[in-house]
PDB file of N, CA and C in Angstrom:
ATOM      1  N   MET A   1     -32.868 -44.502 -53.992  1.00  0.00           N
ATOM      2  CA  MET A   1     -33.356 -45.390 -53.072  1.00  0.00           C
ATOM      3  C   MET A   1     -34.927 -44.813 -52.502  1.00  0.00           C
ATOM      4  N   ARG A   2     -36.097 -46.090 -52.566  1.00  0.00           N
ATOM      5  CA  ARG A   2     -37.304 -45.289 -51.713  1.00  0.00           C
ATOM      6  C   ARG A   2     -37.676 -44.959 -50.802  1.00  0.00           C
ATOM      7  N   ASN A   3     -38.290 -44.397 -50.177  1.00  0.00           N
ATOM      8  CA  ASN A   3     -38.645 -43.794 -49.170  1.00  0.00           C
ATOM      9  C   ASN A   3     -39.779 -44.117 -48.497  1.00  0.00           C
ATOM     10  N   ASP A   4     -40.611 -45.523 -48.762  1.00  0.00           N
ATOM     11  CA  ASP A   4     -41.801 -46.007 -48.478  1.00  0.00           C
ATOM     12  C   ASP A   4     -41.097 -46.178 -46.843  1.00  0.00           C
ATOM     13  N   SER A   5     -42.583 -46.268 -46.112  1.00  0.00           N
ATOM     14  CA  SER A   5     -42.891 -46.645 -44.789  1.00  0.00           C
ATOM     15  C   SER A   5     -42.461 -47.826 -44.563  1.00  0.00           C
ATOM     16  N   ASN A   6     -42.767 -49.369 -45.545  1.00  0.00           N
ATOM     17  CA  ASN A   6     -42.693 -50.326 -45.274  1.00  0.00           C
ATOM     18  C   ASN A   6     -40.921 -50.615 -45.462  1.00  0.00           C
ATOM     19  N   SER A   7     -39.992 -49.739 -45.792  1.00  0.00           N
ATOM     20  CA  SER A   7     -38.895 -50.321 -46.040  1.00  0.00           C
ATOM     21  C   SER A   7     -37.691 -49.637 -45.308  1.00  0.00           C
ATOM     22  N   ARG A   8     -36.365 -50.569 -45.052  1.00  0.00           N
ATOM     23  CA  ARG A   8     -35.464 -49.695 -44.175  1.00  0.00           C
ATOM     24  C   ARG A   8     -34.316 -50.409 -44.603  1.00  0.00           C
ATOM     25  N   LEU A   9     -33.340 -49.434 -44.532  1.00  0.00           N
ATOM     26  CA  LEU A   9     -32.079 -49.714 -44.860  1.00  0.00           C
ATOM     27  C   LEU A   9     -31.330 -51.203 -44.086  1.00  0.00           C
ATOM     28  N   VAL A  10     -30.951 -51.748 -45.235  1.00  0.00           N
ATOM     29  CA  VAL A  10     -30.228 -53.384 -44.775  1.00  0.00           C
ATOM     30  C   VAL A  10     -29.153 -53.186 -44.487  1.00  0.00           C
ATOM     31  N   TYR A  11     -27.890 -52.896 -45.451  1.00  0.00           N
ATOM     32  CA  TYR A  11     -26.694 -52.539 -45.944  1.00  0.00           C
ATOM     33  C   TYR A  11     -26.570 -51.374 -46.796  1.00  0.00           C
ATOM     34  N   SER A  12     -25.134 -51.080 -46.207  1.00  0.00           N
ATOM     35  CA  SER A  12     -24.758 -50.073 -46.877  1.00  0.00           C
ATOM     36  C   SER A  12     -23.217 -49.896 -46.530  1.00  0.00           C
ATOM     37  N   THR A  13     -22.629 -49.898 -47.532  1.00  0.00           N
ATOM     38  CA  THR A  13     -20.677 -49.523 -47.259  1.00  0.00           C
ATOM     39  C   THR A  13     -20.670 -47.968 -47.069  1.00  0.00           C
ATOM     40  N   ASP A  14     -21.354 -46.779 -47.203  1.00  0.00           N
ATOM     41  CA  ASP A  14     -21.526 -45.247 -46.779  1.00  0.00           C
ATOM     42  C   ASP A  14     -21.895 -44.640 -46.019  1.00  0.00           C
ATOM     43  N   THR A  15     -22.423 -45.683 -45.187  1.00  0.00           N
ATOM     44  CA  THR A  15     -22.941 -45.069 -43.778  1.00  0.00           C
ATOM     45  C   THR A  15     -22.446 -45.624 -42.264  1.00  0.00           C
ATOM     46  N   GLY A  16     -21.368 -46.673 -42.702  1.00  0.00           N
ATOM     47  CA  GLY A  16     -20.827 -47.071 -41.016  1.00  0.00           C
ATOM     48  C   GLY A  16     -22.153 -47.957 -40.325  1.00  0.00           C
ATOM     49  N   ARG A  17     -22.053 -48.645 -39.206  1.00  0.00           N
ATOM     50  CA  ARG A  17     -22.938 -49.141 -38.752  1.00  0.00           C
ATOM     51  C   ARG A  17     -24.160 -48.679 -38.496  1.00  0.00           C
ATOM     52  N   ILE A  18     -25.080 -49.433 -38.317  1.00  0.00           N
ATOM     53  CA  ILE A  18     -26.495 -48.868 -38.892  1.00  0.00           C
ATOM     54  C   ILE A  18     -27.223 -49.736 -37.128  1.00  0.00           C
ATOM     55  N   ASP A  19     -27.288 -48.519 -36.375  1.00  0.00           N
ATOM     56  CA  ASP A  19     -28.142 -48.511 -35.317  1.00  0.00           C
ATOM     57  C   ASP A  19     -29.624 -48.457 -35.155  1.00  0.00           C
ATOM     58  N   GLU A  20     -30.252 -49.680 -34.662  1.00  0.00           N
ATOM     59  CA  GLU A  20     -31.443 -49.384 -34.614  1.00  0.00           C
ATOM     60  C   GLU A  20     -32.616 -48.425 -33.471  1.00  0.00           C
ATOM     61  N   GLN A  21     -33.929 -47.911 -33.475  1.00  0.00           N
ATOM     62  CA  GLN A  21     -33.590 -47.603 -32.489  1.00  0.00           C
ATOM     63  C   GLN A  21     -34.626 -48.624 -31.353  1.00  0.00           C
ATOM     64  N   LYS A  22     -33.924 -48.386 -30.080  1.00  0.00           N
ATOM     65  CA  LYS A  22     -34.003 -49.175 -29.278  1.00  0.00           C
ATOM     66  C   LYS A  22     -35.772 -48.896 -28.729  1.00  0.00           C
ATOM     67  N   ALA A  23     -36.483 -49.776 -28.456  1.00  0.00           N
ATOM     68  CA  ALA A  23     -37.322 -49.518 -27.466  1.00  0.00           C
ATOM     69  C   ALA A  23     -37.427 -49.699 -26.530  1.00  0.00           C
ATOM     70  N   VAL A  24     -37.979 -48.385 -25.704  1.00  0.00           N
ATOM     71  CA  VAL A  24     -38.048 -48.130 -23.999  1.00  0.00           C
ATOM     72  C   VAL A  24     -39.008 -49.399 -23.826  1.00  0.00           C
ATOM     73  N   VAL A  25     -38.612 -50.343 -22.750  1.00  0.00           N
ATOM     74  CA  VAL A  25     -39.584 -50.519 -21.799  1.00  0.00           C
ATOM     75  C   VAL A  25     -39.838 -50.316 -20.983  1.00  0.00           C
ATOM     76  N   VAL A  26     -41.559 -50.205 -20.837  1.00  0.00           N
ATOM     77  CA  VAL A  26     -42.148 -49.529 -19.823  1.00  0.00           C
ATOM     78  C   VAL A  26     -43.097 -50.339 -18.859  1.00  0.00           C
ATOM     79  N   ARG A  27     -41.962 -50.379 -17.374  1.00  0.00           N
ATOM     80  CA  ARG A  27     -43.284 -51.015 -16.811  1.00  0.00           C
ATOM     81  C   ARG A  27     -44.611 -50.401 -15.840  1.00  0.00           C
ATOM     82  N   PRO A  28     -45.516 -51.647 -15.669  1.00  0.00           N
ATOM     83  CA  PRO A  28     -46.521 -50.790 -15.135  1.00  0.00           C
ATOM     84  C   PRO A  28     -46.276 -50.200 -13.528  1.00  0.00           C
ATOM     85  N   LYS A  29     -46.858 -49.011 -13.227  1.00  0.00           N
ATOM     86  CA  LYS A  29     -47.054 -48.576 -11.972  1.00  0.00           C
ATOM     87  C   LYS A  29     -47.616 -49.797 -10.836  1.00  0.00           C
ATOM     88  N   GLY A  30     -46.868 -49.732  -9.577  1.00  0.00           N
ATOM     89  CA  GLY A  30     -47.091 -50.930  -8.799  1.00  0.00           C
ATOM     90  C   GLY A  30     -48.107 -50.009  -7.741  1.00  0.00           C
ATOM     91  N   ASP A  31     -48.325 -50.894  -6.831  1.00  0.00           N
ATOM     92  CA  ASP A  31     -49.153 -50.303  -5.402  1.00  0.00           C
ATOM     93  C   ASP A  31     -48.554 -48.989  -4.605  1.00  0.00           C
ATOM     94  N   GLY A  32     -47.506 -48.894  -4.810  1.00  0.00           N
ATOM     95  CA  GLY A  32     -46.615 -48.475  -3.741  1.00  0.00           C
ATOM     96  C   GLY A  32     -46.113 -49.316  -2.956  1.00  0.00           C
ATOM     97  N   ILE A  33     -46.170 -50.531  -3.001  1.00  0.00           N
ATOM     98  CA  ILE A  33     -45.497 -51.650  -1.451  1.00  0.00           C
ATOM     99  C   ILE A  33     -44.853 -52.635  -2.512  1.00  0.00           C
ATOM    100  N   VAL A  34     -43.580 -52.410  -1.628  1.00  0.00           N
ATOM    101  CA  VAL A  34     -42.322 -53.398  -1.958  1.00  0.00           C
ATOM    102  C   VAL A  34     -42.677 -54.834  -1.802  1.00  0.00           C
ATOM    103  N   ARG A  35     -42.506 -55.821  -2.464  1.00  0.00           N
ATOM    104  CA  ARG A  35     -42.756 -57.141  -2.281  1.00  0.00           C
ATOM    105  C   ARG A  35     -41.341 -57.849  -1.979  1.00  0.00           C
ATOM    106  N   ILE A  36     -41.157 -59.023  -0.843  1.00  0.00           N
ATOM    107  CA  ILE A  36     -40.074 -59.693  -0.795  1.00  0.00           C
ATOM    108  C   ILE A  36     -40.561 -61.133  -1.087  1.00  0.00           C
ATOM    109  N   ALA A  37     -40.174 -61.651  -2.197  1.00  0.00           N
ATOM    110  CA  ALA A  37     -40.855 -62.993  -2.193  1.00  0.00           C
ATOM    111  C   ALA A  37     -39.623 -64.275  -2.345  1.00  0.00           C
ATOM    112  N   ARG A  38     -39.798 -65.195  -1.692  1.00  0.00           N
ATOM    113  CA  ARG A  38     -38.667 -66.405  -1.869  1.00  0.00           C
ATOM    114  C   ARG A  38     -39.115 -67.612  -2.474  1.00  0.00           C
ATOM    115  N   GLN A  39     -38.569 -68.205  -3.803  1.00  0.00           N
ATOM    116  CA  GLN A  39     -38.250 -68.671  -4.630  1.00  0.00           C
ATOM    117  C   GLN A  39     -37.534 -69.614  -4.614  1.00  0.00           C
ATOM    118  N   THR A  40     -37.525 -70.742  -4.748  1.00  0.00           N
ATOM    119  CA  THR A  40     -36.845 -72.152  -5.202  1.00  0.00           C
ATOM    120  C   THR A  40     -36.988 -72.775  -6.683  1.00  0.00           C
ATOM    121  N   SER A  41     -38.442 -72.416  -6.999  1.00  0.00           N
ATOM    122  CA  SER A  41     -38.420 -73.619  -8.044  1.00  0.00           C
ATOM    123  C   SER A  41     -37.767 -73.092  -9.625  1.00  0.00           C
ATOM    124  N   GLY A  42     -37.052 -73.996  -9.968  1.00  0.00           N
ATOM    125  CA  GLY A  42     -36.189 -73.735 -11.865  1.00  0.00           C
ATOM    126  C   GLY A  42     -35.200 -73.372 -11.183  1.00  0.00           C
ATOM    127  N   ARG A  43     -34.393 -73.456  -9.987  1.00  0.00           N
ATOM    128  CA  ARG A  43     -33.192 -73.187  -9.420  1.00  0.00           C
ATOM    129  C   ARG A  43     -32.528 -74.383  -9.254  1.00  0.00           C
ATOM    130  N   LYS A  44     -32.961 -75.334  -9.098  1.00  0.00           N
ATOM    131  CA  LYS A  44     -32.428 -76.828  -8.381  1.00  0.00           C
ATOM    132  C   LYS A  44     -31.931 -76.501  -7.035  1.00  0.00           C
ATOM    133  N   GLY A  45     -33.232 -75.752  -6.086  1.00  0.00           N
ATOM    134  CA  GLY A  45     -33.624 -76.160  -4.828  1.00  0.00           C
ATOM    135  C   GLY A  45     -32.621 -74.862  -4.551  1.00  0.00           C
ATOM    136  N   LYS A  46     -31.509 -73.915  -4.988  1.00  0.00           N
ATOM    137  CA  LYS A  46     -31.135 -72.948  -4.711  1.00  0.00           C
ATOM    138  C   LYS A  46     -32.431 -71.765  -4.633  1.00  0.00           C
ATOM    139  N   GLY A  47     -33.028 -71.400  -3.340  1.00  0.00           N
ATOM    140  CA  GLY A  47     -33.869 -70.288  -2.543  1.00  0.00           C
ATOM    141  C   GLY A  47     -32.693 -68.924  -3.414  1.00  0.00           C
ATOM    142  N   VAL A  48     -33.695 -67.902  -3.629  1.00  0.00           N
ATOM    143  CA  VAL A  48     -33.338 -66.691  -4.018  1.00  0.00           C
ATOM    144  C   VAL A  48     -34.651 -65.950  -3.431  1.00  0.00           C
ATOM    145  N   CYS A  49     -34.481 -64.739  -3.135  1.00  0.00           N
ATOM    146  CA  CYS A  49     -35.167 -63.533  -2.548  1.00  0.00           C
ATOM    147  C   CYS A  49     -35.249 -62.650  -4.119  1.00  0.00           C
ATOM    148  N   LEU A  50     -36.843 -62.693  -3.897  1.00  0.00           N
ATOM    149  CA  LEU A  50     -37.239 -61.829  -5.484  1.00  0.00           C
ATOM    150  C   LEU A  50     -37.821 -60.395  -4.421  1.00  0.00           C
ATOM    151  N   ILE A  51     -37.271 -59.012  -5.345  1.00  0.00           N
ATOM    152  CA  ILE A  51     -37.849 -57.965  -4.499  1.00  0.00           C
ATOM    153  C   ILE A  51     -38.444 -57.259  -5.673  1.00  0.00           C
ATOM    154  N   THR A  52     -39.908 -56.944  -5.739  1.00  0.00           N
ATOM    155  CA  THR A  52     -40.551 -56.480  -7.011  1.00  0.00           C
ATOM    156  C   THR A  52     -41.172 -55.400  -6.524  1.00  0.00           C
ATOM    157  N   GLY A  53     -41.890 -54.082  -7.017  1.00  0.00           N
ATOM    158  CA  GLY A  53     -42.423 -53.543  -6.506  1.00  0.00           C
ATOM    159  C   GLY A  53     -41.880 -52.034  -6.589  1.00  0.00           C
ATOM    160  N   VAL A  54     -40.446 -51.940  -6.941  1.00  0.00           N
ATOM    161  CA  VAL A  54     -39.741 -50.866  -6.471  1.00  0.00           C
ATOM    162  C   VAL A  54     -39.716 -49.967  -7.368  1.00  0.00           C
ATOM    163  N   ASP A  55     -40.133 -48.766  -7.445  1.00  0.00           N
ATOM    164  CA  ASP A  55     -40.453 -48.010  -8.721  1.00  0.00           C
ATOM    165  C   ASP A  55     -39.259 -47.110  -8.686  1.00  0.00           C
ATOM    166  N   MET A  56     -38.228 -47.842  -9.384  1.00  0.00           N
ATOM    167  CA  MET A  56     -37.221 -46.784  -9.952  1.00  0.00           C
ATOM    168  C   MET A  56     -36.736 -46.872 -11.522  1.00  0.00           C
ATOM    169  N   ASP A  57     -35.697 -46.119 -11.949  1.00  0.00           N
ATOM    170  CA  ASP A  57     -35.405 -46.603 -13.515  1.00  0.00           C
ATOM    171  C   ASP A  57     -34.344 -47.835 -13.095  1.00  0.00           C
ATOM    172  N   ASP A  58     -33.875 -48.296 -14.255  1.00  0.00           N
ATOM    173  CA  ASP A  58     -33.034 -49.340 -14.353  1.00  0.00           C
ATOM    174  C   ASP A  58     -31.313 -48.733 -13.478  1.00  0.00           C
ATOM    175  N   ALA A  59     -30.842 -47.870 -13.989  1.00  0.00           N
ATOM    176  CA  ALA A  59     -29.894 -47.773 -13.185  1.00  0.00           C
ATOM    177  C   ALA A  59     -29.684 -47.274 -11.506  1.00  0.00           C
ATOM    178  N   ALA A  60     -31.021 -47.036 -11.291  1.00  0.00           N
ATOM    179  CA  ALA A  60     -31.091 -46.686  -9.559  1.00  0.00           C
ATOM    180  C   ALA A  60     -31.313 -48.111  -9.224  1.00  0.00           C
ATOM    181  N   LEU A  61     -32.338 -49.189  -9.814  1.00  0.00           N
ATOM    182  CA  LEU A  61     -32.306 -50.081  -9.455  1.00  0.00           C
ATOM    183  C   LEU A  61     -31.070 -51.297  -9.220  1.00  0.00           C
ATOM    184  N   GLU A  62     -29.760 -50.912 -10.150  1.00  0.00           N
ATOM    185  CA  GLU A  62     -28.579 -51.568 -10.026  1.00  0.00           C
ATOM    186  C   GLU A  62     -27.692 -51.192  -9.022  1.00  0.00           C
ATOM    187  N   LYS A  63     -27.737 -49.858  -8.708  1.00  0.00           N
ATOM    188  CA  LYS A  63     -27.438 -49.448  -7.612  1.00  0.00           C
ATOM    189  C   LYS A  63     -28.207 -49.506  -6.401  1.00  0.00           C
ATOM    190  N   LEU A  64     -29.486 -49.642  -6.409  1.00  0.00           N
ATOM    191  CA  LEU A  64     -30.480 -50.408  -5.015  1.00  0.00           C
ATOM    192  C   LEU A  64     -29.775 -51.782  -4.792  1.00  0.00           C
ATOM    193  N   ALA A  65     -29.383 -52.230  -5.700  1.00  0.00           N
ATOM    194  CA  ALA A  65     -28.939 -54.237  -5.590  1.00  0.00           C
ATOM    195  C   ALA A  65     -27.835 -54.283  -5.243  1.00  0.00           C
ATOM    196  N   ALA A  66     -26.856 -53.636  -5.205  1.00  0.00           N
ATOM    197  CA  ALA A  66     -25.434 -53.463  -5.396  1.00  0.00           C
ATOM    198  C   ALA A  66     -25.169 -53.085  -4.119  1.00  0.00           C
ATOM    199  N   GLU A  67     -26.082 -52.112  -3.046  1.00  0.00           N
ATOM    200  CA  GLU A  67     -25.825 -51.954  -1.800  1.00  0.00           C
ATOM    201  C   GLU A  67     -26.300 -52.910  -1.025  1.00  0.00           C
ATOM    202  N   LEU A  68     -27.718 -53.774  -1.813  1.00  0.00           N
ATOM    203  CA  LEU A  68     -28.384 -54.726  -0.827  1.00  0.00           C
ATOM    204  C   LEU A  68     -27.447 -55.885  -1.157  1.00  0.00           C
ATOM    205  N   LYS A  69     -26.634 -56.399  -2.301  1.00  0.00           N
ATOM    206  CA  LYS A  69     -25.882 -57.655  -2.119  1.00  0.00           C
ATOM    207  C   LYS A  69     -24.490 -57.310  -1.169  1.00  0.00           C
ATOM    208  N   LYS A  70     -23.960 -56.318  -1.068  1.00  0.00           N
ATOM    209  CA  LYS A  70     -22.976 -55.847  -0.487  1.00  0.00           C
ATOM    210  C   LYS A  70     -23.411 -55.852   1.052  1.00  0.00           C
ATOM    211  N   LYS A  71     -24.627 -55.553   1.614  1.00  0.00           N
ATOM    212  CA  LYS A  71     -25.088 -55.456   3.010  1.00  0.00           C
ATOM    213  C   LYS A  71     -25.233 -56.869   3.780  1.00  0.00           C
ATOM    214  N   CYS A  72     -25.602 -57.530   2.410  1.00  0.00           N
ATOM    215  CA  CYS A  72     -26.276 -58.869   3.263  1.00  0.00           C
ATOM    216  C   CYS A  72     -25.117 -60.359   2.812  1.00  0.00           C
ATOM    217  N   GLY A  73     -23.963 -59.636   2.136  1.00  0.00           N
ATOM    218  CA  GLY A  73     -22.915 -60.350   1.717  1.00  0.00           C
ATOM    219  C   GLY A  73     -23.009 -61.816   0.912  1.00  0.00           C
ATOM    220  N   CYS A  74     -23.964 -61.133  -0.193  1.00  0.00           N
ATOM    221  CA  CYS A  74     -24.344 -62.584  -1.139  1.00  0.00           C
ATOM    222  C   CYS A  74     -23.967 -62.126  -2.336  1.00  0.00           C
ATOM    223  N   GLY A  75     -24.693 -62.782  -3.451  1.00  0.00           N
ATOM    224  CA  GLY A  75     -24.495 -62.243  -5.150  1.00  0.00           C
ATOM    225  C   GLY A  75     -26.372 -62.076  -5.315  1.00  0.00           C
ATOM    226  N   GLY A  76     -26.356 -61.735  -6.462  1.00  0.00           N
ATOM    227  CA  GLY A  76     -27.274 -61.148  -6.896  1.00  0.00           C
ATOM    228  C   GLY A  76     -27.494 -60.779  -8.379  1.00  0.00           C
ATOM    229  N   ALA A  77     -28.641 -60.577  -8.659  1.00  0.00           N
ATOM    230  CA  ALA A  77     -28.576 -59.760 -10.192  1.00  0.00           C
ATOM    231  C   ALA A  77     -30.142 -58.872 -10.427  1.00  0.00           C
ATOM    232  N   VAL A  78     -29.724 -58.022 -11.397  1.00  0.00           N
ATOM    233  CA  VAL A  78     -31.448 -57.640 -11.835  1.00  0.00           C
ATOM    234  C   VAL A  78     -31.810 -57.774 -12.728  1.00  0.00           C
ATOM    235  N   LYS A  79     -32.826 -58.094 -13.039  1.00  0.00           N
ATOM    236  CA  LYS A  79     -33.605 -58.839 -14.350  1.00  0.00           C
ATOM    237  C   LYS A  79     -34.949 -58.402 -14.608  1.00  0.00           C
ATOM    238  N   ASP A  80     -35.262 -57.665 -15.504  1.00  0.00           N
ATOM    239  CA  ASP A  80     -36.558 -57.082 -15.886  1.00  0.00           C
ATOM    240  C   ASP A  80     -37.256 -56.584 -14.693  1.00  0.00           C
ATOM    241  N   GLY A  81     -36.743 -55.579 -14.255  1.00  0.00           N
ATOM    242  CA  GLY A  81     -37.293 -54.852 -12.976  1.00  0.00           C
ATOM    243  C   GLY A  81     -37.509 -55.438 -11.469  1.00  0.00           C
ATOM    244  N   VAL A  82     -36.681 -56.642 -11.526  1.00  0.00           N
ATOM    245  CA  VAL A  82     -37.144 -57.546 -10.184  1.00  0.00           C
ATOM    246  C   VAL A  82     -35.399 -57.489  -9.866  1.00  0.00           C
ATOM    247  N   ILE A  83     -35.044 -57.759  -8.696  1.00  0.00           N
ATOM    248  CA  ILE A  83     -34.178 -58.165  -7.883  1.00  0.00           C
ATOM    249  C   ILE A  83     -33.833 -59.037  -7.386  1.00  0.00           C
ATOM    250  N   GLU A  84     -32.914 -59.583  -7.985  1.00  0.00           N
ATOM    251  CA  GLU A  84     -32.883 -61.081  -7.423  1.00  0.00           C
ATOM    252  C   GLU A  84     -31.270 -61.085  -6.258  1.00  0.00           C
ATOM    253  N   ILE A  85     -31.690 -61.936  -4.774  1.00  0.00           N
ATOM    254  CA  ILE A  85     -30.909 -61.586  -3.950  1.00  0.00           C
ATOM    255  C   ILE A  85     -30.342 -63.176  -3.826  1.00  0.00           C
ATOM    256  N   GLN A  86     -29.505 -63.547  -3.604  1.00  0.00           N
ATOM    257  CA  GLN A  86     -28.853 -64.967  -3.257  1.00  0.00           C
ATOM    258  C   GLN A  86     -29.533 -65.433  -1.769  1.00  0.00           C
ATOM    259  N   GLY A  87     -30.356 -66.879  -1.909  1.00  0.00           N
ATOM    260  CA  GLY A  87     -30.551 -67.178  -0.404  1.00  0.00           C
ATOM    261  C   GLY A  87     -31.473 -66.389   0.206  1.00  0.00           C
ATOM    262  N   ASP A  88     -31.828 -66.870   1.273  1.00  0.00           N
ATOM    263  CA  ASP A  88     -33.069 -66.578   2.294  1.00  0.00           C
ATOM    264  C   ASP A  88     -32.667 -65.472   3.168  1.00  0.00           C
ATOM    265  N   LYS A  89     -32.680 -64.433   2.928  1.00  0.00           N
ATOM    266  CA  LYS A  89     -32.451 -63.146   3.644  1.00  0.00           C
ATOM    267  C   LYS A  89     -33.752 -62.107   3.895  1.00  0.00           C
ATOM    268  N   ARG A  90     -34.838 -62.676   3.831  1.00  0.00           N
ATOM    269  CA  ARG A  90     -36.119 -61.715   3.516  1.00  0.00           C
ATOM    270  C   ARG A  90     -36.101 -60.435   4.603  1.00  0.00           C
ATOM    271  N   ASP A  91     -35.856 -61.461   5.953  1.00  0.00           N
ATOM    272  CA  ASP A  91     -35.992 -60.355   7.177  1.00  0.00           C
ATOM    273  C   ASP A  91     -34.961 -59.344   7.061  1.00  0.00           C
ATOM    274  N   LEU A  92     -33.898 -59.298   6.814  1.00  0.00           N
ATOM    275  CA  LEU A  92     -32.352 -58.432   6.499  1.00  0.00           C
ATOM    276  C   LEU A  92     -33.015 -57.457   5.837  1.00  0.00           C
ATOM    277  N   LEU A  93     -33.569 -58.167   4.922  1.00  0.00           N
ATOM    278  CA  LEU A  93     -33.827 -57.220   3.252  1.00  0.00           C
ATOM    279  C   LEU A  93     -35.084 -56.131   3.501  1.00  0.00           C
ATOM    280  N   LYS A  94     -36.174 -56.861   4.216  1.00  0.00           N
ATOM    281  CA  LYS A  94     -36.860 -56.187   4.851  1.00  0.00           C
ATOM    282  C   LYS A  94     -36.382 -54.838   5.409  1.00  0.00           C
ATOM    283  N   GLN A  95     -35.461 -54.958   6.630  1.00  0.00           N
ATOM    284  CA  GLN A  95     -35.005 -54.314   7.440  1.00  0.00           C
ATOM    285  C   GLN A  95     -34.742 -53.054   6.541  1.00  0.00           C
ATOM    286  N   LEU A  96     -33.513 -53.086   5.790  1.00  0.00           N
ATOM    287  CA  LEU A  96     -32.644 -52.496   4.944  1.00  0.00           C
ATOM    288  C   LEU A  96     -33.346 -51.457   4.460  1.00  0.00           C
ATOM    289  N   LEU A  97     -34.659 -51.887   3.183  1.00  0.00           N
ATOM    290  CA  LEU A  97     -35.904 -51.500   2.718  1.00  0.00           C
ATOM    291  C   LEU A  97     -36.654 -50.543   3.533  1.00  0.00           C
ATOM    292  N   GLU A  98     -37.008 -50.927   4.997  1.00  0.00           N
ATOM    293  CA  GLU A  98     -37.783 -50.213   5.235  1.00  0.00           C
ATOM    294  C   GLU A  98     -37.204 -48.968   5.943  1.00  0.00           C
ATOM    295  N   ALA A  99     -35.798 -49.359   5.922  1.00  0.00           N
ATOM    296  CA  ALA A  99     -34.853 -48.110   6.457  1.00  0.00           C
ATOM    297  C   ALA A  99     -34.547 -46.871   5.681  1.00  0.00           C
ATOM    298  N   LYS A 100     -35.130 -47.318   4.245  1.00  0.00           N
ATOM    299  CA  LYS A 100     -34.963 -46.286   2.854  1.00  0.00           C
ATOM    300  C   LYS A 100     -36.315 -45.668   2.831  1.00  0.00           C
ATOM    301  N   GLY A 101     -37.173 -46.308   3.710  1.00  0.00           N
ATOM    302  CA  GLY A 101     -38.625 -45.553   3.574  1.00  0.00           C
ATOM    303  C   GLY A 101     -39.497 -46.165   2.891  1.00  0.00           C
ATOM    304  N   MET A 102     -39.015 -47.332   2.601  1.00  0.00           N
ATOM    305  CA  MET A 102     -39.929 -48.140   1.702  1.00  0.00           C
ATOM    306  C   MET A 102     -41.151 -48.903   2.449  1.00  0.00           C
ATOM    307  N   LYS A 103     -42.659 -48.866   1.778  1.00  0.00           N
ATOM    308  CA  LYS A 103     -42.999 -49.981   3.091  1.00  0.00           C
ATOM    309  C   LYS A 103     -43.211 -51.031   2.464  1.00  0.00           C
ATOM    310  N   VAL A 104     -42.602 -52.356   3.020  1.00  0.00           N
ATOM    311  CA  VAL A 104     -42.502 -53.716   2.854  1.00  0.00           C
ATOM    312  C   VAL A 104     -43.402 -54.594   3.124  1.00  0.00           C
ATOM    313  N   LYS A 105     -43.446 -55.326   2.319  1.00  0.00           N
ATOM    314  CA  LYS A 105     -44.279 -57.063   2.847  1.00  0.00           C
ATOM    315  C   LYS A 105     -43.817 -57.743   2.431  1.00  0.00           C
ATOM    316  N   LEU A 106     -43.810 -58.816   3.360  1.00  0.00           N
ATOM    317  CA  LEU A 106     -43.102 -60.556   2.861  1.00  0.00           C
ATOM    318  C   LEU A 106     -44.503 -61.209   1.984  1.00  0.00           C
ATOM    319  N   ALA A 107     -43.879 -61.576   0.684  1.00  0.00           N
ATOM    320  CA  ALA A 107     -44.889 -62.363   0.159  1.00  0.00           C
ATOM    321  C   ALA A 107     -44.755 -63.538  -0.247  1.00  0.00           C
ATOM    322  N   GLY A 108     -45.228 -64.257  -0.316  1.00  0.00           N
ATOM    323  CA  GLY A 108     -45.047 -66.083  -0.510  1.00  0.00           C
ATOM    324  C   GLY A 108     -44.771 -66.970   0.630  1.00  0.00           C
ATOM    325  N   GLY A 109     -44.578 -68.159   0.781  1.00  0.00           N
ATOM    326  CA  GLY A 109     -43.857 -69.173   1.358  1.00  0.00           C
ATOM    327  C   GLY A 109     -42.769 -68.659   1.595  1.00  0.00           C
TER     328      GLY A 109
END
């Protein structure tokens, strides 16, 4: 087998599963302000609150999202470093995040 920089192992019966190196996604640093925006476009009229600018890793974002969903009594998700909370609960989310010591702004309409 050649060891060129252009070659890679495609199939082998003696090594088992081949795991590719996963690329680490680096998010740009924000300005330290957490923004809460309401969005309905592309969601069939259903509104969600998007929380952006939280400077945490993925595991901490998942934990924060779970806590916010539980306190708001609604569903949501974490996608690409943005926390989505179902419904228009911006005022409650602002209070909860400010209680955690974050600087929060309401963005959008």
